[in-house]
Amino acid sequence: MPHCFGRRARTRDKFSKAYRTKGRPGISRYLTVFKRGEYVDIKADPSVQKGMPFSFYHGRTGVIFNVTKGAVGVEVTKVVGNRQLRKRMHLRIEHVRKSRCNVEFLRRRMVNDAFLKNAGKGGERVDWLKRKPELPKPGKIVKLGECEVKVLKAREFIENYF
């Protein structure tokens, strides 16, 4: 049973930096441009204590709703009981990084938009842009050739009365 209940209680491993990554963050972390509506991953940097998120939000993904000089406002969903709450918090930019969770979607949308633009000029109809689930594999017929089919079955039970 723990006896301390502070903001960083039981975060010895969660808020520790890996070998050879200790120290302050690099300059590129501060030069990253964040915009409203972007997805960001919250990953607390233990070398910067100011603007650090509570340990529950470490590793979560949220959406930026506000950008200030040294921080960003992030909205994250949190499951409490049987409902989802939208929690809003401002975090320093050392503790957030751009998420790659929707990169594939954005790439697919860009390709589809370019194809639709070209198809509209030609006057053709496009039906295949939506993703379709993978269909079941086709059936096969196995030919035996010279082999004989052996039917495996359980032995008949014989009771011994002696």
C-alpha atoms as a PDB file:
ATOM      1  CA  MET A   1       0.000   0.000   0.000  1.00  0.00           C
ATOM      2  CA  PRO A   2       1.440   3.395  -0.985  1.00  0.00           C
ATOM      3  CA  HIS A   3       1.560   6.070   1.646  1.00  0.00           C
ATOM      4  CA  CYS A   4       2.199   9.117  -0.598  1.00  0.00           C
ATOM      5  CA  PHE A   5      -0.449  10.552  -2.855  1.00  0.00           C
ATOM      6  CA  GLY A   6       1.261  13.524  -4.560  1.00  0.00           C
ATOM      7  CA  ARG A   7       1.055  14.540  -8.220  1.00  0.00           C
ATOM      8  CA  ARG A   8       4.107  12.434  -9.120  1.00  0.00           C
ATOM      9  CA  ALA A   9       3.386   9.506  -6.828  1.00  0.00           C
ATOM     10  CA  ARG A  10       4.307   6.084  -8.276  1.00  0.00           C
ATOM     11  CA  THR A  11       5.865   7.548 -11.449  1.00  0.00           C
ATOM     12  CA  ARG A  12       9.463   6.412 -10.898  1.00  0.00           C
ATOM     13  CA  ASP A  13       9.648   4.612 -14.245  1.00  0.00           C
ATOM     14  CA  LYS A  14       7.001   6.580 -16.147  1.00  0.00           C
ATOM     15  CA  PHE A  15       8.676   9.950 -15.602  1.00  0.00           C
ATOM     16  CA  SER A  16      12.276   8.830 -16.133  1.00  0.00           C
ATOM     17  CA  LYS A  17      14.390   9.342 -19.224  1.00  0.00           C
ATOM     18  CA  ALA A  18      16.172   6.551 -21.049  1.00  0.00           C
ATOM     19  CA  TYR A  19      19.919   6.028 -21.074  1.00  0.00           C
ATOM     20  CA  ARG A  20      21.812   8.766 -22.987  1.00  0.00           C
ATOM     21  CA  THR A  21      18.676  10.904 -23.392  1.00  0.00           C
ATOM     22  CA  LYS A  22      18.916  12.735 -20.080  1.00  0.00           C
ATOM     23  CA  GLY A  23      19.085  16.513 -19.911  1.00  0.00           C
ATOM     24  CA  ARG A  24      17.106  19.340 -21.449  1.00  0.00           C
ATOM     25  CA  PRO A  25      15.222  18.853 -24.749  1.00  0.00           C
ATOM     26  CA  GLY A  26      16.820  19.911 -28.030  1.00  0.00           C
ATOM     27  CA  ILE A  27      16.091  23.127 -29.886  1.00  0.00           C
ATOM     28  CA  SER A  28      13.962  21.367 -32.522  1.00  0.00           C
ATOM     29  CA  ARG A  29      11.376  20.553 -29.857  1.00  0.00           C
ATOM     30  CA  TYR A  30      10.856  24.283 -29.291  1.00  0.00           C
ATOM     31  CA  LEU A  31      10.773  25.143 -33.005  1.00  0.00           C
ATOM     32  CA  THR A  32       7.935  22.733 -33.819  1.00  0.00           C
ATOM     33  CA  VAL A  33       4.872  24.550 -35.173  1.00  0.00           C
ATOM     34  CA  PHE A  34       1.527  23.445 -33.725  1.00  0.00           C
ATOM     35  CA  LYS A  35      -1.867  24.415 -35.177  1.00  0.00           C
ATOM     36  CA  ARG A  36      -5.412  24.101 -33.892  1.00  0.00           C
ATOM     37  CA  GLY A  37      -7.088  20.815 -34.765  1.00  0.00           C
ATOM     38  CA  GLU A  38      -3.851  18.823 -35.006  1.00  0.00           C
ATOM     39  CA  TYR A  39      -3.420  15.540 -33.159  1.00  0.00           C
ATOM     40  CA  VAL A  40      -0.645  15.448 -30.556  1.00  0.00           C
ATOM     41  CA  ASP A  41       0.736  12.723 -28.315  1.00  0.00           C
ATOM     42  CA  ILE A  42       1.234  13.700 -24.689  1.00  0.00           C
ATOM     43  CA  LYS A  43       4.568  12.461 -23.415  1.00  0.00           C
ATOM     44  CA  ALA A  44       5.819  14.174 -20.287  1.00  0.00           C
ATOM     45  CA  ASP A  45       9.462  15.254 -20.320  1.00  0.00           C
ATOM     46  CA  PRO A  46      10.726  14.854 -16.733  1.00  0.00           C
ATOM     47  CA  SER A  47      13.583  17.332 -17.224  1.00  0.00           C
ATOM     48  CA  VAL A  48      10.995  20.147 -17.439  1.00  0.00           C
ATOM     49  CA  GLN A  49       8.699  20.287 -14.424  1.00  0.00           C
ATOM     50  CA  LYS A  50       6.630  23.294 -15.471  1.00  0.00           C
ATOM     51  CA  GLY A  51       3.519  22.620 -17.497  1.00  0.00           C
ATOM     52  CA  MET A  52       3.780  18.872 -16.969  1.00  0.00           C
ATOM     53  CA  PRO A  53       0.607  16.781 -17.356  1.00  0.00           C
ATOM     54  CA  PHE A  54      -0.746  14.515 -14.650  1.00  0.00           C
ATOM     55  CA  SER A  55       0.581  10.966 -14.995  1.00  0.00           C
ATOM     56  CA  PHE A  56      -2.775   9.594 -16.283  1.00  0.00           C
ATOM     57  CA  TYR A  57      -2.424  11.598 -19.519  1.00  0.00           C
ATOM     58  CA  HIS A  58       1.130  10.375 -20.275  1.00  0.00           C
ATOM     59  CA  GLY A  59       0.950   8.473 -23.590  1.00  0.00           C
ATOM     60  CA  ARG A  60      -2.532   9.717 -24.553  1.00  0.00           C
ATOM     61  CA  THR A  61      -3.470  11.396 -27.828  1.00  0.00           C
ATOM     62  CA  GLY A  62      -5.470  14.616 -27.949  1.00  0.00           C
ATOM     63  CA  VAL A  63      -6.499  17.477 -30.222  1.00  0.00           C
ATOM     64  CA  ILE A  64      -5.082  21.000 -29.952  1.00  0.00           C
ATOM     65  CA  PHE A  65      -7.751  23.589 -29.200  1.00  0.00           C
ATOM     66  CA  ASN A  66      -5.528  26.567 -28.313  1.00  0.00           C
ATOM     67  CA  VAL A  67      -1.975  27.712 -29.044  1.00  0.00           C
ATOM     68  CA  THR A  68      -0.094  30.166 -26.831  1.00  0.00           C
ATOM     69  CA  LYS A  69       3.504  31.411 -26.772  1.00  0.00           C
ATOM     70  CA  GLY A  70       5.040  28.503 -24.864  1.00  0.00           C
ATOM     71  CA  ALA A  71       2.192  26.057 -24.487  1.00  0.00           C
ATOM     72  CA  VAL A  72      -0.685  24.396 -26.282  1.00  0.00           C
ATOM     73  CA  GLY A  73      -4.193  23.591 -25.114  1.00  0.00           C
ATOM     74  CA  VAL A  74      -4.982  19.900 -25.585  1.00  0.00           C
ATOM     75  CA  GLU A  75      -8.382  18.215 -25.365  1.00  0.00           C
ATOM     76  CA  VAL A  76      -8.317  14.543 -24.332  1.00  0.00           C
ATOM     77  CA  THR A  77     -11.155  12.098 -23.693  1.00  0.00           C
ATOM     78  CA  LYS A  78     -11.161  10.310 -20.344  1.00  0.00           C
ATOM     79  CA  VAL A  79     -13.443   7.418 -19.464  1.00  0.00           C
ATOM     80  CA  VAL A  80     -15.030   7.958 -16.048  1.00  0.00           C
ATOM     81  CA  GLY A  81     -17.547   5.319 -15.049  1.00  0.00           C
ATOM     82  CA  ASN A  82     -19.893   4.821 -17.983  1.00  0.00           C
ATOM     83  CA  ARG A  83     -19.239   8.093 -19.806  1.00  0.00           C
ATOM     84  CA  GLN A  84     -16.492   9.861 -21.731  1.00  0.00           C
ATOM     85  CA  LEU A  85     -15.432  13.274 -20.489  1.00  0.00           C
ATOM     86  CA  ARG A  86     -13.541  15.769 -22.631  1.00  0.00           C
ATOM     87  CA  LYS A  87     -10.724  17.112 -20.478  1.00  0.00           C
ATOM     88  CA  ARG A  88      -8.999  20.323 -21.512  1.00  0.00           C
ATOM     89  CA  MET A  89      -5.535  21.258 -20.296  1.00  0.00           C
ATOM     90  CA  HIS A  90      -2.676  23.534 -21.264  1.00  0.00           C
ATOM     91  CA  LEU A  91       0.706  21.825 -21.552  1.00  0.00           C
ATOM     92  CA  ARG A  92       4.123  23.215 -22.328  1.00  0.00           C
ATOM     93  CA  ILE A  93       5.394  22.247 -25.777  1.00  0.00           C
ATOM     94  CA  GLU A  94       8.163  20.109 -24.257  1.00  0.00           C
ATOM     95  CA  HIS A  95       5.499  17.622 -23.185  1.00  0.00           C
ATOM     96  CA  VAL A  96       3.696  17.193 -26.531  1.00  0.00           C
ATOM     97  CA  ARG A  97       4.767  15.943 -29.948  1.00  0.00           C
ATOM     98  CA  LYS A  98       2.944  15.658 -33.250  1.00  0.00           C
ATOM     99  CA  SER A  99       1.006  12.428 -33.572  1.00  0.00           C
ATOM    100  CA  ARG A 100       1.240  10.124 -36.562  1.00  0.00           C
ATOM    101  CA  CYS A 101      -2.153   8.546 -35.851  1.00  0.00           C
ATOM    102  CA  ASN A 102      -3.864   9.999 -38.935  1.00  0.00           C
ATOM    103  CA  VAL A 103      -0.979  10.200 -41.411  1.00  0.00           C
ATOM    104  CA  GLU A 104      -2.319   7.277 -43.455  1.00  0.00           C
ATOM    105  CA  PHE A 105      -5.785   8.868 -43.581  1.00  0.00           C
ATOM    106  CA  LEU A 106      -4.389  12.219 -44.766  1.00  0.00           C
ATOM    107  CA  ARG A 107      -2.264  10.512 -47.431  1.00  0.00           C
ATOM    108  CA  ARG A 108      -5.253   8.509 -48.700  1.00  0.00           C
ATOM    109  CA  ARG A 109      -7.444  11.611 -48.762  1.00  0.00           C
ATOM    110  CA  MET A 110      -4.860  13.554 -50.754  1.00  0.00           C
ATOM    111  CA  VAL A 111      -4.569  10.770 -53.341  1.00  0.00           C
ATOM    112  CA  ASN A 112      -8.363  10.423 -53.585  1.00  0.00           C
ATOM    113  CA  ASP A 113      -8.880  14.165 -54.009  1.00  0.00           C
ATOM    114  CA  ALA A 114      -6.328  14.314 -56.814  1.00  0.00           C
ATOM    115  CA  PHE A 115      -7.971  11.359 -58.559  1.00  0.00           C
ATOM    116  CA  LEU A 116     -11.459  12.859 -58.196  1.00  0.00           C
ATOM    117  CA  LYS A 117     -10.251  16.124 -59.688  1.00  0.00           C
ATOM    118  CA  ASN A 118      -8.896  14.342 -62.768  1.00  0.00           C
ATOM    119  CA  ALA A 119     -11.955  12.076 -63.042  1.00  0.00           C
ATOM    120  CA  GLY A 120     -14.302  15.076 -62.901  1.00  0.00           C
ATOM    121  CA  LYS A 121     -12.608  16.620 -65.928  1.00  0.00           C
ATOM    122  CA  GLY A 122     -13.007  13.401 -67.900  1.00  0.00           C
ATOM    123  CA  GLY A 123     -16.627  12.962 -66.850  1.00  0.00           C
ATOM    124  CA  GLU A 124     -16.152   9.424 -65.525  1.00  0.00           C
ATOM    125  CA  ARG A 125     -17.772   8.031 -62.419  1.00  0.00           C
ATOM    126  CA  VAL A 126     -15.595   6.829 -59.541  1.00  0.00           C
ATOM    127  CA  ASP A 127     -16.849   4.088 -57.221  1.00  0.00           C
ATOM    128  CA  TRP A 128     -13.682   2.467 -55.928  1.00  0.00           C
ATOM    129  CA  LEU A 129     -12.319   5.269 -53.720  1.00  0.00           C
ATOM    130  CA  LYS A 130     -13.886   3.877 -50.551  1.00  0.00           C
ATOM    131  CA  ARG A 131     -11.939   1.190 -48.736  1.00  0.00           C
ATOM    132  CA  LYS A 132     -13.517  -2.227 -48.939  1.00  0.00           C
ATOM    133  CA  PRO A 133     -13.099  -5.057 -46.440  1.00  0.00           C
ATOM    134  CA  GLU A 134     -10.921  -7.965 -47.477  1.00  0.00           C
ATOM    135  CA  LEU A 135     -13.034 -10.679 -49.074  1.00  0.00           C
ATOM    136  CA  PRO A 136     -12.821 -14.324 -48.025  1.00  0.00           C
ATOM    137  CA  LYS A 137     -10.308 -16.469 -49.859  1.00  0.00           C
ATOM    138  CA  PRO A 138     -11.704 -18.582 -52.719  1.00  0.00           C
ATOM    139  CA  GLY A 139     -12.478 -22.265 -52.080  1.00  0.00           C
ATOM    140  CA  LYS A 140     -10.298 -25.105 -53.318  1.00  0.00           C
ATOM    141  CA  ILE A 141     -10.898 -28.691 -54.401  1.00  0.00           C
ATOM    142  CA  VAL A 142      -8.195 -31.118 -53.332  1.00  0.00           C
ATOM    143  CA  LYS A 143      -7.568 -34.013 -55.737  1.00  0.00           C
ATOM    144  CA  LEU A 144      -6.299 -37.224 -54.184  1.00  0.00           C
ATOM    145  CA  GLY A 145      -4.966 -38.997 -57.233  1.00  0.00           C
ATOM    146  CA  GLU A 146      -3.796 -42.511 -56.298  1.00  0.00           C
ATOM    147  CA  CYS A 147      -4.192 -42.064 -52.523  1.00  0.00           C
ATOM    148  CA  GLU A 148      -6.923 -43.742 -50.521  1.00  0.00           C
ATOM    149  CA  VAL A 149      -9.063 -41.833 -48.009  1.00  0.00           C
ATOM    150  CA  LYS A 150      -8.625 -43.032 -44.438  1.00  0.00           C
ATOM    151  CA  VAL A 151     -11.446 -42.178 -42.074  1.00  0.00           C
ATOM    152  CA  LEU A 152     -10.262 -41.646 -38.510  1.00  0.00           C
ATOM    153  CA  LYS A 153     -12.728 -42.515 -35.797  1.00  0.00           C
ATOM    154  CA  ALA A 154     -12.632 -43.431 -32.132  1.00  0.00           C
ATOM    155  CA  ARG A 155     -12.369 -47.084 -31.121  1.00  0.00           C
ATOM    156  CA  GLU A 156     -15.466 -48.797 -29.947  1.00  0.00           C
ATOM    157  CA  PHE A 157     -15.676 -49.063 -26.143  1.00  0.00           C
ATOM    158  CA  ILE A 158     -15.483 -52.598 -24.748  1.00  0.00           C
ATOM    159  CA  GLU A 159     -16.382 -53.181 -21.123  1.00  0.00           C
ATOM    160  CA  ASN A 160     -14.352 -55.631 -19.077  1.00  0.00           C
ATOM    161  CA  TYR A 161     -16.218 -57.263 -16.203  1.00  0.00           C
ATOM    162  CA  PHE A 162     -13.264 -59.051 -14.625  1.00  0.00           C
END
